[in-house]
C-alpha atoms as a PDB file:
ATOM      1  CA  MET A   1      -0.867  -9.148  18.295  1.00  0.00           C
ATOM      2  CA  SER A   2      -4.283  -7.609  17.806  1.00  0.00           C
ATOM      3  CA  LYS A   3      -6.599  -8.557  14.987  1.00  0.00           C
ATOM      4  CA  ASP A   4      -5.938  -5.189  13.284  1.00  0.00           C
ATOM      5  CA  GLY A   5      -2.193  -5.717  13.656  1.00  0.00           C
ATOM      6  CA  GLN A   6      -2.494  -9.156  12.115  1.00  0.00           C
ATOM      7  CA  ALA A   7      -4.482  -7.783   9.195  1.00  0.00           C
ATOM      8  CA  PHE A   8      -1.871  -5.055   8.647  1.00  0.00           C
ATOM      9  CA  ALA A   9       1.013  -7.563   8.754  1.00  0.00           C
ATOM     10  CA  GLN A  10      -0.845  -9.839   6.337  1.00  0.00           C
ATOM     11  CA  TRP A  11      -1.467  -6.874   4.001  1.00  0.00           C
ATOM     12  CA  LEU A  12       2.278  -6.169   3.916  1.00  0.00           C
ATOM     13  CA  ASP A  13       3.168  -9.830   3.469  1.00  0.00           C
ATOM     14  CA  GLU A  14       0.706 -10.251   0.583  1.00  0.00           C
ATOM     15  CA  ALA A  15       2.227  -7.219  -1.136  1.00  0.00           C
ATOM     16  CA  ARG A  16       5.659  -8.786  -0.609  1.00  0.00           C
ATOM     17  CA  ILE A  17       7.056  -5.757   1.183  1.00  0.00           C
ATOM     18  CA  PRO A  18      10.449  -6.915   2.463  1.00  0.00           C
ATOM     19  CA  HIS A  19      11.352  -6.434   6.092  1.00  0.00           C
ATOM     20  CA  SER A  20      14.112  -4.048   4.963  1.00  0.00           C
ATOM     21  CA  LYS A  21      11.340  -1.661   3.866  1.00  0.00           C
ATOM     22  CA  ARG A  22       9.716  -1.835   7.257  1.00  0.00           C
ATOM     23  CA  SER A  23      11.584   0.840   9.170  1.00  0.00           C
ATOM     24  CA  PRO A  24       9.531   2.660  11.818  1.00  0.00           C
ATOM     25  CA  ASP A  25       8.980   5.655   9.523  1.00  0.00           C
ATOM     26  CA  GLN A  26       7.981   3.484   6.581  1.00  0.00           C
ATOM     27  CA  LEU A  27       5.691   1.411   8.763  1.00  0.00           C
ATOM     28  CA  ALA A  28       3.990   4.576   9.994  1.00  0.00           C
ATOM     29  CA  VAL A  29       3.215   5.657   6.416  1.00  0.00           C
ATOM     30  CA  LEU A  30       2.077   2.186   5.389  1.00  0.00           C
ATOM     31  CA  LYS A  31      -0.086   1.877   8.522  1.00  0.00           C
ATOM     32  CA  ALA A  32      -1.723   5.230   7.738  1.00  0.00           C
ATOM     33  CA  ALA A  33      -2.448   4.043   4.181  1.00  0.00           C
ATOM     34  CA  PHE A  34      -3.864   0.777   5.522  1.00  0.00           C
ATOM     35  CA  ASP A  35      -6.063   2.600   8.040  1.00  0.00           C
ATOM     36  CA  PHE A  36      -7.284   4.990   5.352  1.00  0.00           C
ATOM     37  CA  LEU A  37      -8.326   2.098   3.120  1.00  0.00           C
ATOM     38  CA  GLN A  38     -10.047   0.395   6.062  1.00  0.00           C
ATOM     39  CA  GLN A  39     -12.060   3.550   6.803  1.00  0.00           C
ATOM     40  CA  ALA A  40     -12.652   4.859   3.265  1.00  0.00           C
ATOM     41  CA  GLY A  41     -13.344   1.489   1.732  1.00  0.00           C
ATOM     42  CA  SER A  42     -11.831  -0.105  -1.303  1.00  0.00           C
ATOM     43  CA  ASP A  43     -13.528   1.945  -3.989  1.00  0.00           C
ATOM     44  CA  TYR A  44     -11.504   2.931  -7.045  1.00  0.00           C
ATOM     45  CA  ALA A  45     -10.929   6.540  -5.986  1.00  0.00           C
ATOM     46  CA  SER A  46      -9.619   5.588  -2.538  1.00  0.00           C
ATOM     47  CA  ARG A  47      -7.294   2.940  -3.943  1.00  0.00           C
ATOM     48  CA  ARG A  48      -6.019   5.310  -6.611  1.00  0.00           C
ATOM     49  CA  LEU A  49      -5.388   8.033  -4.045  1.00  0.00           C
ATOM     50  CA  VAL A  50      -3.432   5.660  -1.807  1.00  0.00           C
ATOM     51  CA  GLY A  51      -1.563   4.201  -4.767  1.00  0.00           C
ATOM     52  CA  HIS A  52      -0.526   7.613  -6.030  1.00  0.00           C
ATOM     53  CA  PHE A  53       0.560   8.680  -2.565  1.00  0.00           C
ATOM     54  CA  LEU A  54       2.624   5.539  -1.935  1.00  0.00           C
ATOM     55  CA  LEU A  55       4.347   5.837  -5.300  1.00  0.00           C
ATOM     56  CA  ASN A  56       5.310   9.442  -4.659  1.00  0.00           C
ATOM     57  CA  CYS A  57       6.137   9.547  -0.946  1.00  0.00           C
ATOM     58  CA  GLN A  58       9.640   8.148  -1.473  1.00  0.00           C
ATOM     59  CA  LEU A  59       9.262   4.930   0.487  1.00  0.00           C
ATOM     60  CA  GLY A  60      11.227   3.113  -2.172  1.00  0.00           C
ATOM     61  CA  LEU A  61       8.348   0.809  -3.073  1.00  0.00           C
ATOM     62  CA  LYS A  62       8.190  -0.672  -6.537  1.00  0.00           C
ATOM     63  CA  LEU A  63       5.227  -0.219  -8.825  1.00  0.00           C
ATOM     64  CA  ALA A  64       4.214  -3.865  -8.475  1.00  0.00           C
ATOM     65  CA  GLN A  65       4.334  -3.662  -4.667  1.00  0.00           C
ATOM     66  CA  VAL A  66       2.067  -0.626  -4.627  1.00  0.00           C
ATOM     67  CA  GLY A  67      -0.255  -2.350  -7.068  1.00  0.00           C
ATOM     68  CA  ARG A  68      -0.518  -5.335  -4.737  1.00  0.00           C
ATOM     69  CA  LEU A  69      -1.142  -3.035  -1.749  1.00  0.00           C
ATOM     70  CA  VAL A  70      -4.079  -1.352  -3.460  1.00  0.00           C
ATOM     71  CA  ASP A  71      -5.272  -4.555  -5.161  1.00  0.00           C
ATOM     72  CA  VAL A  72      -4.597  -3.393  -8.706  1.00  0.00           C
ATOM     73  CA  THR A  73      -2.495  -5.295 -11.213  1.00  0.00           C
ATOM     74  CA  ARG A  74       0.840  -3.862 -12.239  1.00  0.00           C
ATOM     75  CA  PRO A  75      -0.196  -3.426 -15.908  1.00  0.00           C
ATOM     76  CA  THR A  76      -3.262  -1.473 -14.805  1.00  0.00           C
ATOM     77  CA  VAL A  77      -1.144   0.756 -12.577  1.00  0.00           C
ATOM     78  CA  SER A  78       1.288   1.327 -15.460  1.00  0.00           C
ATOM     79  CA  GLN A  79      -1.435   2.012 -18.029  1.00  0.00           C
ATOM     80  CA  GLN A  80      -3.252   4.505 -15.840  1.00  0.00           C
ATOM     81  CA  ASN A  81      -0.129   6.551 -15.055  1.00  0.00           C
ATOM     82  CA  TRP A  82      -0.434   6.412 -11.287  1.00  0.00           C
ATOM     83  CA  ILE A  83       3.039   7.874 -10.992  1.00  0.00           C
END
């Protein structure tokens, strides 16, 4: 597994995304989000954009999982109406 692949797998594991949510289509969307954050950086606007997208693209992710993916606490995600 490449270094980028390891980083992506670790990102998913840290967000506690279950393997049942890792279908090929879901992985493609999550990989695109991961790549975007790698290229755009982890500034607030980029993380908010990715968070909003992941919450609304019908992957079935929970609010807390998306928060962990974009490195924002669940209360912050809830308070800022990312949905």
